[in-house]
Amino acid sequence: MITRNYETLYIIRPDVGEEQLEQTISQFRTFLEEQGATKLKVQNRGKRRFAYPIKKLREGYYILMTYTAPGTAIAPLERAMRLNENILRFMTIVLEEETETEDAEEENPVLARA
């Protein structure tokens, strides 16, 4: 099974309690571990103000997860987030391999000086 590096950012409603916030974060962490994710890192970015209202709310808790998982784990994760009432928005992206970006910087030293 092919695994890739992913990054998922999701926003939790600001009116949830501290206990429910931690419960929601651990729920998705456990969900990914059950789907076979490894190298899982979860960062609570804290409560931030939105540029525009989302579902009539002006702020929310930003949670960032980076992990390595099979591609089949993403659709069930996003479906679970869509069905969770505490999640306002979410986005998952595929991260490039770290070695590729390092090689690209070394190949173009002229661009670095400009």
PDB file of N, CA and C in Angstrom:
ATOM      1  N   MET A   1       0.842  -1.176   0.000  1.00  0.00           N
ATOM      2  CA  MET A   1       0.000   0.000   0.000  1.00  0.00           C
ATOM      3  C   MET A   1       0.895   1.250   0.000  1.00  0.00           C
ATOM      4  N   ILE A   2       0.602   2.173  -0.893  1.00  0.00           N
ATOM      5  CA  ILE A   2       1.405   3.393  -1.007  1.00  0.00           C
ATOM      6  C   ILE A   2       0.959   4.404   0.042  1.00  0.00           C
ATOM      7  N   THR A   3       1.931   4.935   0.760  1.00  0.00           N
ATOM      8  CA  THR A   3       1.620   5.970   1.751  1.00  0.00           C
ATOM      9  C   THR A   3       2.208   7.292   1.286  1.00  0.00           C
ATOM     10  N   ARG A   4       1.535   8.373   1.662  1.00  0.00           N
ATOM     11  CA  ARG A   4       1.981   9.714   1.318  1.00  0.00           C
ATOM     12  C   ARG A   4       1.926  10.583   2.563  1.00  0.00           C
ATOM     13  N   ASN A   5       2.587  11.721   2.472  1.00  0.00           N
ATOM     14  CA  ASN A   5       2.550  12.691   3.562  1.00  0.00           C
ATOM     15  C   ASN A   5       1.385  13.644   3.331  1.00  0.00           C
ATOM     16  N   TYR A   6       0.587  13.842   4.369  1.00  0.00           N
ATOM     17  CA  TYR A   6      -0.586  14.711   4.287  1.00  0.00           C
ATOM     18  C   TYR A   6      -0.551  15.752   5.391  1.00  0.00           C
ATOM     19  N   GLU A   7      -1.304  16.813   5.154  1.00  0.00           N
ATOM     20  CA  GLU A   7      -1.504  17.852   6.151  1.00  0.00           C
ATOM     21  C   GLU A   7      -2.992  18.187   6.139  1.00  0.00           C
ATOM     22  N   THR A   8      -3.624  18.110   7.292  1.00  0.00           N
ATOM     23  CA  THR A   8      -5.040  18.441   7.419  1.00  0.00           C
ATOM     24  C   THR A   8      -5.183  19.574   8.415  1.00  0.00           C
ATOM     25  N   LEU A   9      -5.843  20.631   7.981  1.00  0.00           N
ATOM     26  CA  LEU A   9      -6.149  21.761   8.849  1.00  0.00           C
ATOM     27  C   LEU A   9      -7.656  21.788   9.016  1.00  0.00           C
ATOM     28  N   TYR A  10      -8.114  21.851  10.261  1.00  0.00           N
ATOM     29  CA  TYR A  10      -9.550  21.979  10.477  1.00  0.00           C
ATOM     30  C   TYR A  10      -9.831  23.002  11.560  1.00  0.00           C
ATOM     31  N   ILE A  11     -11.041  23.564  11.500  1.00  0.00           N
ATOM     32  CA  ILE A  11     -11.443  24.629  12.417  1.00  0.00           C
ATOM     33  C   ILE A  11     -12.610  24.130  13.254  1.00  0.00           C
ATOM     34  N   ILE A  12     -12.463  24.245  14.572  1.00  0.00           N
ATOM     35  CA  ILE A  12     -13.497  23.818  15.516  1.00  0.00           C
ATOM     36  C   ILE A  12     -14.234  25.050  16.024  1.00  0.00           C
ATOM     37  N   ARG A  13     -15.527  24.898  16.238  1.00  0.00           N
ATOM     38  CA  ARG A  13     -16.367  26.001  16.729  1.00  0.00           C
ATOM     39  C   ARG A  13     -15.767  26.630  17.989  1.00  0.00           C
ATOM     40  N   PRO A  14     -15.906  27.939  18.160  1.00  0.00           N
ATOM     41  CA  PRO A  14     -15.323  28.599  19.331  1.00  0.00           C
ATOM     42  C   PRO A  14     -16.120  28.398  20.615  1.00  0.00           C
ATOM     43  N   ASP A  15     -17.372  27.964  20.500  1.00  0.00           N
ATOM     44  CA  ASP A  15     -18.219  27.844  21.683  1.00  0.00           C
ATOM     45  C   ASP A  15     -18.157  26.467  22.347  1.00  0.00           C
ATOM     46  N   VAL A  16     -17.246  25.592  21.894  1.00  0.00           N
ATOM     47  CA  VAL A  16     -17.090  24.297  22.567  1.00  0.00           C
ATOM     48  C   VAL A  16     -16.249  24.500  23.823  1.00  0.00           C
ATOM     49  N   GLY A  17     -16.484  23.683  24.821  1.00  0.00           N
ATOM     50  CA  GLY A  17     -15.698  23.763  26.051  1.00  0.00           C
ATOM     51  C   GLY A  17     -14.318  23.166  25.851  1.00  0.00           C
ATOM     52  N   GLU A  18     -13.449  23.413  26.807  1.00  0.00           N
ATOM     53  CA  GLU A  18     -12.072  22.907  26.728  1.00  0.00           C
ATOM     54  C   GLU A  18     -12.054  21.378  26.651  1.00  0.00           C
ATOM     55  N   GLU A  19     -12.920  20.746  27.430  1.00  0.00           N
ATOM     56  CA  GLU A  19     -12.982  19.280  27.443  1.00  0.00           C
ATOM     57  C   GLU A  19     -13.451  18.737  26.095  1.00  0.00           C
ATOM     58  N   GLN A  20     -14.473  19.369  25.526  1.00  0.00           N
ATOM     59  CA  GLN A  20     -14.999  18.916  24.239  1.00  0.00           C
ATOM     60  C   GLN A  20     -14.001  19.194  23.111  1.00  0.00           C
ATOM     61  N   LEU A  21     -13.231  20.266  23.228  1.00  0.00           N
ATOM     62  CA  LEU A  21     -12.188  20.573  22.248  1.00  0.00           C
ATOM     63  C   LEU A  21     -11.146  19.458  22.231  1.00  0.00           C
ATOM     64  N   GLU A  22     -10.658  19.088  23.402  1.00  0.00           N
ATOM     65  CA  GLU A  22      -9.664  18.014  23.500  1.00  0.00           C
ATOM     66  C   GLU A  22     -10.239  16.682  23.031  1.00  0.00           C
ATOM     67  N   GLN A  23     -11.510  16.447  23.320  1.00  0.00           N
ATOM     68  CA  GLN A  23     -12.161  15.209  22.906  1.00  0.00           C
ATOM     69  C   GLN A  23     -12.252  15.131  21.381  1.00  0.00           C
ATOM     70  N   THR A  24     -12.580  16.241  20.732  1.00  0.00           N
ATOM     71  CA  THR A  24     -12.681  16.272  19.274  1.00  0.00           C
ATOM     72  C   THR A  24     -11.314  16.048  18.635  1.00  0.00           C
ATOM     73  N   ILE A  25     -10.286  16.686  19.183  1.00  0.00           N
ATOM     74  CA  ILE A  25      -8.929  16.517  18.653  1.00  0.00           C
ATOM     75  C   ILE A  25      -8.482  15.064  18.785  1.00  0.00           C
ATOM     76  N   SER A  26      -8.695  14.464  19.949  1.00  0.00           N
ATOM     77  CA  SER A  26      -8.272  13.073  20.157  1.00  0.00           C
ATOM     78  C   SER A  26      -9.112  12.101  19.325  1.00  0.00           C
ATOM     79  N   GLN A  27     -10.365  12.463  19.046  1.00  0.00           N
ATOM     80  CA  GLN A  27     -11.228  11.623  18.211  1.00  0.00           C
ATOM     81  C   GLN A  27     -10.627  11.465  16.814  1.00  0.00           C
ATOM     82  N   PHE A  28     -10.182  12.568  16.210  1.00  0.00           N
ATOM     83  CA  PHE A  28      -9.616  12.489  14.865  1.00  0.00           C
ATOM     84  C   PHE A  28      -8.208  11.911  14.873  1.00  0.00           C
ATOM     85  N   ARG A  29      -7.475  12.122  15.944  1.00  0.00           N
ATOM     86  CA  ARG A  29      -6.147  11.512  16.073  1.00  0.00           C
ATOM     87  C   ARG A  29      -6.289   9.984  16.118  1.00  0.00           C
ATOM     88  N   THR A  30      -7.211   9.499  16.941  1.00  0.00           N
ATOM     89  CA  THR A  30      -7.459   8.061  17.048  1.00  0.00           C
ATOM     90  C   THR A  30      -7.971   7.498  15.728  1.00  0.00           C
ATOM     91  N   PHE A  31      -8.839   8.250  15.064  1.00  0.00           N
ATOM     92  CA  PHE A  31      -9.391   7.821  13.779  1.00  0.00           C
ATOM     93  C   PHE A  31      -8.269   7.588  12.767  1.00  0.00           C
ATOM     94  N   LEU A  32      -7.322   8.525  12.693  1.00  0.00           N
ATOM     95  CA  LEU A  32      -6.209   8.377  11.749  1.00  0.00           C
ATOM     96  C   LEU A  32      -5.314   7.203  12.116  1.00  0.00           C
ATOM     97  N   GLU A  33      -5.056   7.008  13.404  1.00  0.00           N
ATOM     98  CA  GLU A  33      -4.228   5.884  13.832  1.00  0.00           C
ATOM     99  C   GLU A  33      -4.886   4.562  13.463  1.00  0.00           C
ATOM    100  N   GLU A  34      -6.212   4.491  13.571  1.00  0.00           N
ATOM    101  CA  GLU A  34      -6.934   3.278  13.186  1.00  0.00           C
ATOM    102  C   GLU A  34      -6.875   3.046  11.679  1.00  0.00           C
ATOM    103  N   GLN A  35      -6.763   4.117  10.907  1.00  0.00           N
ATOM    104  CA  GLN A  35      -6.680   4.013   9.449  1.00  0.00           C
ATOM    105  C   GLN A  35      -5.259   3.699   8.973  1.00  0.00           C
ATOM    106  N   GLY A  36      -4.317   3.604   9.904  1.00  0.00           N
ATOM    107  CA  GLY A  36      -2.953   3.230   9.558  1.00  0.00           C
ATOM    108  C   GLY A  36      -1.996   4.393   9.410  1.00  0.00           C
ATOM    109  N   ALA A  37      -2.331   5.554   9.937  1.00  0.00           N
ATOM    110  CA  ALA A  37      -1.452   6.725   9.839  1.00  0.00           C
ATOM    111  C   ALA A  37      -0.264   6.588  10.787  1.00  0.00           C
ATOM    112  N   THR A  38       0.883   7.076  10.344  1.00  0.00           N
ATOM    113  CA  THR A  38       2.090   7.087  11.164  1.00  0.00           C
ATOM    114  C   THR A  38       2.660   8.503  11.167  1.00  0.00           C
ATOM    115  N   LYS A  39       3.661   8.732  11.995  1.00  0.00           N
ATOM    116  CA  LYS A  39       4.315  10.047  12.116  1.00  0.00           C
ATOM    117  C   LYS A  39       3.285  11.160  12.321  1.00  0.00           C
ATOM    118  N   LEU A  40       2.310  10.889  13.157  1.00  0.00           N
ATOM    119  CA  LEU A  40       1.201  11.820  13.380  1.00  0.00           C
ATOM    120  C   LEU A  40       1.606  12.920  14.351  1.00  0.00           C
ATOM    121  N   LYS A  41       1.490  14.167  13.909  1.00  0.00           N
ATOM    122  CA  LYS A  41       1.756  15.331  14.762  1.00  0.00           C
ATOM    123  C   LYS A  41       0.509  16.204  14.752  1.00  0.00           C
ATOM    124  N   VAL A  42       0.049  16.590  15.931  1.00  0.00           N
ATOM    125  CA  VAL A  42      -1.133  17.445  16.050  1.00  0.00           C
ATOM    126  C   VAL A  42      -0.720  18.736  16.739  1.00  0.00           C
ATOM    127  N   GLN A  43      -1.063  19.856  16.126  1.00  0.00           N
ATOM    128  CA  GLN A  43      -0.758  21.167  16.698  1.00  0.00           C
ATOM    129  C   GLN A  43      -2.050  21.941  16.884  1.00  0.00           C
ATOM    130  N   ASN A  44      -2.288  22.385  18.107  1.00  0.00           N
ATOM    131  CA  ASN A  44      -3.430  23.257  18.373  1.00  0.00           C
ATOM    132  C   ASN A  44      -2.944  24.683  18.175  1.00  0.00           C
ATOM    133  N   ARG A  45      -3.380  25.325  17.106  1.00  0.00           N
ATOM    134  CA  ARG A  45      -2.924  26.675  16.776  1.00  0.00           C
ATOM    135  C   ARG A  45      -3.681  27.750  17.547  1.00  0.00           C
ATOM    136  N   GLY A  46      -4.655  27.334  18.351  1.00  0.00           N
ATOM    137  CA  GLY A  46      -5.378  28.278  19.197  1.00  0.00           C
ATOM    138  C   GLY A  46      -6.566  28.920  18.502  1.00  0.00           C
ATOM    139  N   LYS A  47      -7.224  29.805  19.244  1.00  0.00           N
ATOM    140  CA  LYS A  47      -8.407  30.493  18.733  1.00  0.00           C
ATOM    141  C   LYS A  47      -7.965  31.694  17.897  1.00  0.00           C
ATOM    142  N   ARG A  48      -8.493  31.766  16.674  1.00  0.00           N
ATOM    143  CA  ARG A  48      -8.148  32.867  15.774  1.00  0.00           C
ATOM    144  C   ARG A  48      -9.410  33.470  15.174  1.00  0.00           C
ATOM    145  N   ARG A  49      -9.300  34.728  14.839  1.00  0.00           N
ATOM    146  CA  ARG A  49     -10.405  35.459  14.228  1.00  0.00           C
ATOM    147  C   ARG A  49     -10.412  35.205  12.722  1.00  0.00           C
ATOM    148  N   PHE A  50     -11.621  35.032  12.142  1.00  0.00           N
ATOM    149  CA  PHE A  50     -11.776  34.802  10.712  1.00  0.00           C
ATOM    150  C   PHE A  50     -11.757  36.123   9.951  1.00  0.00           C
ATOM    151  N   ALA A  51     -11.428  36.060   8.684  1.00  0.00           N
ATOM    152  CA  ALA A  51     -11.485  37.237   7.823  1.00  0.00           C
ATOM    153  C   ALA A  51     -12.935  37.568   7.477  1.00  0.00           C
ATOM    154  N   TYR A  52     -13.795  36.558   7.498  1.00  0.00           N
ATOM    155  CA  TYR A  52     -15.218  36.735   7.215  1.00  0.00           C
ATOM    156  C   TYR A  52     -15.986  35.699   8.031  1.00  0.00           C
ATOM    157  N   PRO A  53     -17.271  35.934   8.297  1.00  0.00           N
ATOM    158  CA  PRO A  53     -18.042  34.982   9.116  1.00  0.00           C
ATOM    159  C   PRO A  53     -18.196  33.621   8.429  1.00  0.00           C
ATOM    160  N   ILE A  54     -18.084  32.574   9.214  1.00  0.00           N
ATOM    161  CA  ILE A  54     -18.345  31.214   8.760  1.00  0.00           C
ATOM    162  C   ILE A  54     -19.450  30.668   9.650  1.00  0.00           C
ATOM    163  N   LYS A  55     -20.579  30.358   9.049  1.00  0.00           N
ATOM    164  CA  LYS A  55     -21.758  29.889   9.787  1.00  0.00           C
ATOM    165  C   LYS A  55     -22.099  30.845  10.929  1.00  0.00           C
ATOM    166  N   LYS A  56     -22.038  32.138  10.621  1.00  0.00           N
ATOM    167  CA  LYS A  56     -22.368  33.235  11.537  1.00  0.00           C
ATOM    168  C   LYS A  56     -21.421  33.330  12.736  1.00  0.00           C
ATOM    169  N   LEU A  57     -20.252  32.736  12.641  1.00  0.00           N
ATOM    170  CA  LEU A  57     -19.250  32.806  13.706  1.00  0.00           C
ATOM    171  C   LEU A  57     -18.051  33.603  13.207  1.00  0.00           C
ATOM    172  N   ARG A  58     -17.378  34.315  14.113  1.00  0.00           N
ATOM    173  CA  ARG A  58     -16.262  35.177  13.736  1.00  0.00           C
ATOM    174  C   ARG A  58     -14.896  34.615  14.123  1.00  0.00           C
ATOM    175  N   GLU A  59     -14.849  33.504  14.889  1.00  0.00           N
ATOM    176  CA  GLU A  59     -13.571  32.920  15.285  1.00  0.00           C
ATOM    177  C   GLU A  59     -13.717  31.424  15.497  1.00  0.00           C
ATOM    178  N   GLY A  60     -12.584  30.733  15.596  1.00  0.00           N
ATOM    179  CA  GLY A  60     -12.597  29.296  15.808  1.00  0.00           C
ATOM    180  C   GLY A  60     -11.212  28.798  16.190  1.00  0.00           C
ATOM    181  N   TYR A  61     -11.150  27.552  16.645  1.00  0.00           N
ATOM    182  CA  TYR A  61      -9.886  26.918  17.017  1.00  0.00           C
ATOM    183  C   TYR A  61      -9.300  26.226  15.784  1.00  0.00           C
ATOM    184  N   TYR A  62      -8.068  26.577  15.445  1.00  0.00           N
ATOM    185  CA  TYR A  62      -7.380  25.988  14.304  1.00  0.00           C
ATOM    186  C   TYR A  62      -6.530  24.815  14.784  1.00  0.00           C
ATOM    187  N   ILE A  63      -6.718  23.653  14.159  1.00  0.00           N
ATOM    188  CA  ILE A  63      -5.970  22.445  14.498  1.00  0.00           C
ATOM    189  C   ILE A  63      -5.270  21.951  13.230  1.00  0.00           C
ATOM    190  N   LEU A  64      -3.969  21.711  13.326  1.00  0.00           N
ATOM    191  CA  LEU A  64      -3.175  21.256  12.189  1.00  0.00           C
ATOM    192  C   LEU A  64      -2.624  19.866  12.486  1.00  0.00           C
ATOM    193  N   MET A  65      -2.868  18.928  11.571  1.00  0.00           N
ATOM    194  CA  MET A  65      -2.340  17.572  11.707  1.00  0.00           C
ATOM    195  C   MET A  65      -1.452  17.270  10.503  1.00  0.00           C
ATOM    196  N   THR A  66      -0.247  16.787  10.743  1.00  0.00           N
ATOM    197  CA  THR A  66       0.620  16.293   9.675  1.00  0.00           C
ATOM    198  C   THR A  66       0.874  14.819   9.947  1.00  0.00           C
ATOM    199  N   TYR A  67       0.825  14.012   8.891  1.00  0.00           N
ATOM    200  CA  TYR A  67       0.921  12.567   9.075  1.00  0.00           C
ATOM    201  C   TYR A  67       1.253  11.885   7.760  1.00  0.00           C
ATOM    202  N   THR A  68       1.633  10.625   7.865  1.00  0.00           N
ATOM    203  CA  THR A  68       1.858   9.758   6.719  1.00  0.00           C
ATOM    204  C   THR A  68       0.783   8.685   6.774  1.00  0.00           C
ATOM    205  N   ALA A  69       0.052   8.534   5.668  1.00  0.00           N
ATOM    206  CA  ALA A  69      -1.062   7.586   5.668  1.00  0.00           C
ATOM    207  C   ALA A  69      -1.308   7.072   4.255  1.00  0.00           C
ATOM    208  N   PRO A  70      -1.988   5.926   4.147  1.00  0.00           N
ATOM    209  CA  PRO A  70      -2.398   5.467   2.820  1.00  0.00           C
ATOM    210  C   PRO A  70      -3.498   6.379   2.277  1.00  0.00           C
ATOM    211  N   GLY A  71      -3.602   6.463   0.974  1.00  0.00           N
ATOM    212  CA  GLY A  71      -4.598   7.329   0.347  1.00  0.00           C
ATOM    213  C   GLY A  71      -6.026   6.960   0.695  1.00  0.00           C
ATOM    214  N   THR A  72      -6.247   5.708   1.057  1.00  0.00           N
ATOM    215  CA  THR A  72      -7.601   5.265   1.393  1.00  0.00           C
ATOM    216  C   THR A  72      -8.083   5.804   2.734  1.00  0.00           C
ATOM    217  N   ALA A  73      -7.205   6.414   3.522  1.00  0.00           N
ATOM    218  CA  ALA A  73      -7.590   6.930   4.842  1.00  0.00           C
ATOM    219  C   ALA A  73      -8.206   8.318   4.764  1.00  0.00           C
ATOM    220  N   ILE A  74      -8.022   9.032   3.657  1.00  0.00           N
ATOM    221  CA  ILE A  74      -8.429  10.431   3.579  1.00  0.00           C
ATOM    222  C   ILE A  74      -9.941  10.590   3.433  1.00  0.00           C
ATOM    223  N   ALA A  75     -10.557   9.839   2.545  1.00  0.00           N
ATOM    224  CA  ALA A  75     -12.004   9.974   2.326  1.00  0.00           C
ATOM    225  C   ALA A  75     -12.810   9.688   3.598  1.00  0.00           C
ATOM    226  N   PRO A  76     -12.520   8.608   4.342  1.00  0.00           N
ATOM    227  CA  PRO A  76     -13.263   8.386   5.592  1.00  0.00           C
ATOM    228  C   PRO A  76     -13.033   9.486   6.630  1.00  0.00           C
ATOM    229  N   LEU A  77     -11.805  10.029   6.682  1.00  0.00           N
ATOM    230  CA  LEU A  77     -11.509  11.119   7.616  1.00  0.00           C
ATOM    231  C   LEU A  77     -12.340  12.353   7.270  1.00  0.00           C
ATOM    232  N   GLU A  78     -12.352  12.731   5.997  1.00  0.00           N
ATOM    233  CA  GLU A  78     -13.102  13.916   5.592  1.00  0.00           C
ATOM    234  C   GLU A  78     -14.605  13.714   5.758  1.00  0.00           C
ATOM    235  N   ARG A  79     -15.082  12.502   5.572  1.00  0.00           N
ATOM    236  CA  ARG A  79     -16.509  12.232   5.787  1.00  0.00           C
ATOM    237  C   ARG A  79     -16.854  12.394   7.266  1.00  0.00           C
ATOM    238  N   ALA A  80     -15.991  11.896   8.145  1.00  0.00           N
ATOM    239  CA  ALA A  80     -16.221  12.038   9.588  1.00  0.00           C
ATOM    240  C   ALA A  80     -16.201  13.507   9.995  1.00  0.00           C
ATOM    241  N   MET A  81     -15.316  14.289   9.387  1.00  0.00           N
ATOM    242  CA  MET A  81     -15.270  15.722   9.700  1.00  0.00           C
ATOM    243  C   MET A  81     -16.513  16.446   9.193  1.00  0.00           C
ATOM    244  N   ARG A  82     -16.973  16.057   8.024  1.00  0.00           N
ATOM    245  CA  ARG A  82     -18.173  16.673   7.453  1.00  0.00           C
ATOM    246  C   ARG A  82     -19.397  16.410   8.335  1.00  0.00           C
ATOM    247  N   LEU A  83     -19.458  15.250   8.950  1.00  0.00           N
ATOM    248  CA  LEU A  83     -20.608  14.882   9.774  1.00  0.00           C
ATOM    249  C   LEU A  83     -20.520  15.414  11.202  1.00  0.00           C
ATOM    250  N   ASN A  84     -19.347  15.854  11.628  1.00  0.00           N
ATOM    251  CA  ASN A  84     -19.163  16.370  12.983  1.00  0.00           C
ATOM    252  C   ASN A  84     -19.647  17.816  13.046  1.00  0.00           C
ATOM    253  N   GLU A  85     -20.566  18.103  13.947  1.00  0.00           N
ATOM    254  CA  GLU A  85     -21.157  19.441  14.054  1.00  0.00           C
ATOM    255  C   GLU A  85     -20.176  20.482  14.578  1.00  0.00           C
ATOM    256  N   ASN A  86     -19.124  20.065  15.267  1.00  0.00           N
ATOM    257  CA  ASN A  86     -18.155  21.008  15.827  1.00  0.00           C
ATOM    258  C   ASN A  86     -17.132  21.503  14.807  1.00  0.00           C
ATOM    259  N   ILE A  87     -17.032  20.842  13.660  1.00  0.00           N
ATOM    260  CA  ILE A  87     -16.063  21.223  12.633  1.00  0.00           C
ATOM    261  C   ILE A  87     -16.715  22.220  11.676  1.00  0.00           C
ATOM    262  N   LEU A  88     -16.108  23.412  11.573  1.00  0.00           N
ATOM    263  CA  LEU A  88     -16.628  24.439  10.669  1.00  0.00           C
ATOM    264  C   LEU A  88     -16.078  24.271   9.257  1.00  0.00           C
ATOM    265  N   ARG A  89     -14.773  24.063   9.133  1.00  0.00           N
ATOM    266  CA  ARG A  89     -14.114  23.894   7.846  1.00  0.00           C
ATOM    267  C   ARG A  89     -12.948  22.925   8.012  1.00  0.00           C
ATOM    268  N   PHE A  90     -12.568  22.286   6.901  1.00  0.00           N
ATOM    269  CA  PHE A  90     -11.391  21.422   6.912  1.00  0.00           C
ATOM    270  C   PHE A  90     -10.799  21.370   5.512  1.00  0.00           C
ATOM    271  N   MET A  91      -9.510  21.081   5.452  1.00  0.00           N
ATOM    272  CA  MET A  91      -8.822  20.933   4.172  1.00  0.00           C
ATOM    273  C   MET A  91      -7.648  19.984   4.353  1.00  0.00           C
ATOM    274  N   THR A  92      -7.511  19.057   3.414  1.00  0.00           N
ATOM    275  CA  THR A  92      -6.397  18.118   3.425  1.00  0.00           C
ATOM    276  C   THR A  92      -5.592  18.305   2.152  1.00  0.00           C
ATOM    277  N   ILE A  93      -4.277  18.409   2.291  1.00  0.00           N
ATOM    278  CA  ILE A  93      -3.404  18.524   1.126  1.00  0.00           C
ATOM    279  C   ILE A  93      -2.319  17.462   1.205  1.00  0.00           C
ATOM    280  N   VAL A  94      -1.770  17.112   0.037  1.00  0.00           N
ATOM    281  CA  VAL A  94      -0.649  16.185  -0.043  1.00  0.00           C
ATOM    282  C   VAL A  94       0.624  17.015   0.023  1.00  0.00           C
ATOM    283  N   LEU A  95       1.507  16.659   0.941  1.00  0.00           N
ATOM    284  CA  LEU A  95       2.783  17.362   1.073  1.00  0.00           C
ATOM    285  C   LEU A  95       3.806  16.748   0.129  1.00  0.00           C
ATOM    286  N   GLU A  96       4.676  17.581  -0.414  1.00  0.00           N
ATOM    287  CA  GLU A  96       5.762  17.076  -1.240  1.00  0.00           C
ATOM    288  C   GLU A  96       6.790  16.412  -0.340  1.00  0.00           C
ATOM    289  N   GLU A  97       7.570  15.552  -0.933  1.00  0.00           N
ATOM    290  CA  GLU A  97       8.642  14.913  -0.180  1.00  0.00           C
ATOM    291  C   GLU A  97       9.662  15.969   0.206  1.00  0.00           C
ATOM    292  N   GLU A  98      10.187  15.900   1.412  1.00  0.00           N
ATOM    293  CA  GLU A  98      11.145  16.889   1.903  1.00  0.00           C
ATOM    294  C   GLU A  98      12.435  16.886   1.089  1.00  0.00           C
ATOM    295  N   THR A  99      12.867  15.719   0.625  1.00  0.00           N
ATOM    296  CA  THR A  99      14.119  15.648  -0.122  1.00  0.00           C
ATOM    297  C   THR A  99      14.004  16.362  -1.462  1.00  0.00           C
ATOM    298  N   GLU A 100      12.846  16.369  -2.087  1.00  0.00           N
ATOM    299  CA  GLU A 100      12.666  17.043  -3.370  1.00  0.00           C
ATOM    300  C   GLU A 100      12.865  18.542  -3.228  1.00  0.00           C
ATOM    301  N   THR A 101      12.314  19.155  -2.196  1.00  0.00           N
ATOM    302  CA  THR A 101      12.436  20.601  -2.031  1.00  0.00           C
ATOM    303  C   THR A 101      13.874  20.989  -1.700  1.00  0.00           C
ATOM    304  N   GLU A 102      14.578  20.167  -0.947  1.00  0.00           N
ATOM    305  CA  GLU A 102      15.976  20.461  -0.631  1.00  0.00           C
ATOM    306  C   GLU A 102      16.834  20.379  -1.884  1.00  0.00           C
ATOM    307  N   ASP A 103      16.593  19.385  -2.743  1.00  0.00           N
ATOM    308  CA  ASP A 103      17.352  19.249  -3.980  1.00  0.00           C
ATOM    309  C   ASP A 103      17.085  20.415  -4.918  1.00  0.00           C
ATOM    310  N   ALA A 104      15.864  20.876  -4.986  1.00  0.00           N
ATOM    311  CA  ALA A 104      15.507  21.980  -5.872  1.00  0.00           C
ATOM    312  C   ALA A 104      16.225  23.261  -5.461  1.00  0.00           C
ATOM    313  N   GLU A 105      16.392  23.483  -4.178  1.00  0.00           N
ATOM    314  CA  GLU A 105      17.089  24.677  -3.707  1.00  0.00           C
ATOM    315  C   GLU A 105      18.572  24.616  -4.059  1.00  0.00           C
ATOM    316  N   GLU A 106      19.169  23.439  -3.997  1.00  0.00           N
ATOM    317  CA  GLU A 106      20.587  23.295  -4.296  1.00  0.00           C
ATOM    318  C   GLU A 106      20.864  23.429  -5.790  1.00  0.00           C
ATOM    319  N   GLU A 107      19.930  23.042  -6.646  1.00  0.00           N
ATOM    320  CA  GLU A 107      20.133  23.082  -8.085  1.00  0.00           C
ATOM    321  C   GLU A 107      20.110  24.502  -8.636  1.00  0.00           C
ATOM    322  N   ASN A 108      19.457  25.444  -7.986  1.00  0.00           N
ATOM    323  CA  ASN A 108      19.306  26.800  -8.486  1.00  0.00           C
ATOM    324  C   ASN A 108      19.973  27.816  -7.568  1.00  0.00           C
ATOM    325  N   PRO A 109      21.300  27.810  -7.452  1.00  0.00           N
ATOM    326  CA  PRO A 109      21.947  28.771  -6.560  1.00  0.00           C
ATOM    327  C   PRO A 109      21.846  30.202  -7.076  1.00  0.00           C
ATOM    328  N   VAL A 110      21.669  30.398  -8.382  1.00  0.00           N
ATOM    329  CA  VAL A 110      21.551  31.742  -8.955  1.00  0.00           C
ATOM    330  C   VAL A 110      20.282  32.413  -8.449  1.00  0.00           C
ATOM    331  N   LEU A 111      19.210  31.660  -8.357  1.00  0.00           N
ATOM    332  CA  LEU A 111      17.953  32.221  -7.876  1.00  0.00           C
ATOM    333  C   LEU A 111      18.056  32.625  -6.411  1.00  0.00           C
ATOM    334  N   ALA A 112      18.850  31.911  -5.651  1.00  0.00           N
ATOM    335  CA  ALA A 112      18.986  32.226  -4.233  1.00  0.00           C
ATOM    336  C   ALA A 112      19.717  33.552  -4.028  1.00  0.00           C
ATOM    337  N   ARG A 113      20.657  33.883  -4.910  1.00  0.00           N
ATOM    338  CA  ARG A 113      21.408  35.123  -4.782  1.00  0.00           C
ATOM    339  C   ARG A 113      20.633  36.329  -5.292  1.00  0.00           C
ATOM    340  N   ALA A 114      19.719  36.127  -6.202  1.00  0.00           N
ATOM    341  CA  ALA A 114      19.022  37.255  -6.842  1.00  0.00           C
ATOM    342  C   ALA A 114      18.101  37.979  -5.924  1.00  0.00           C
TER     343      ALA A 114
END
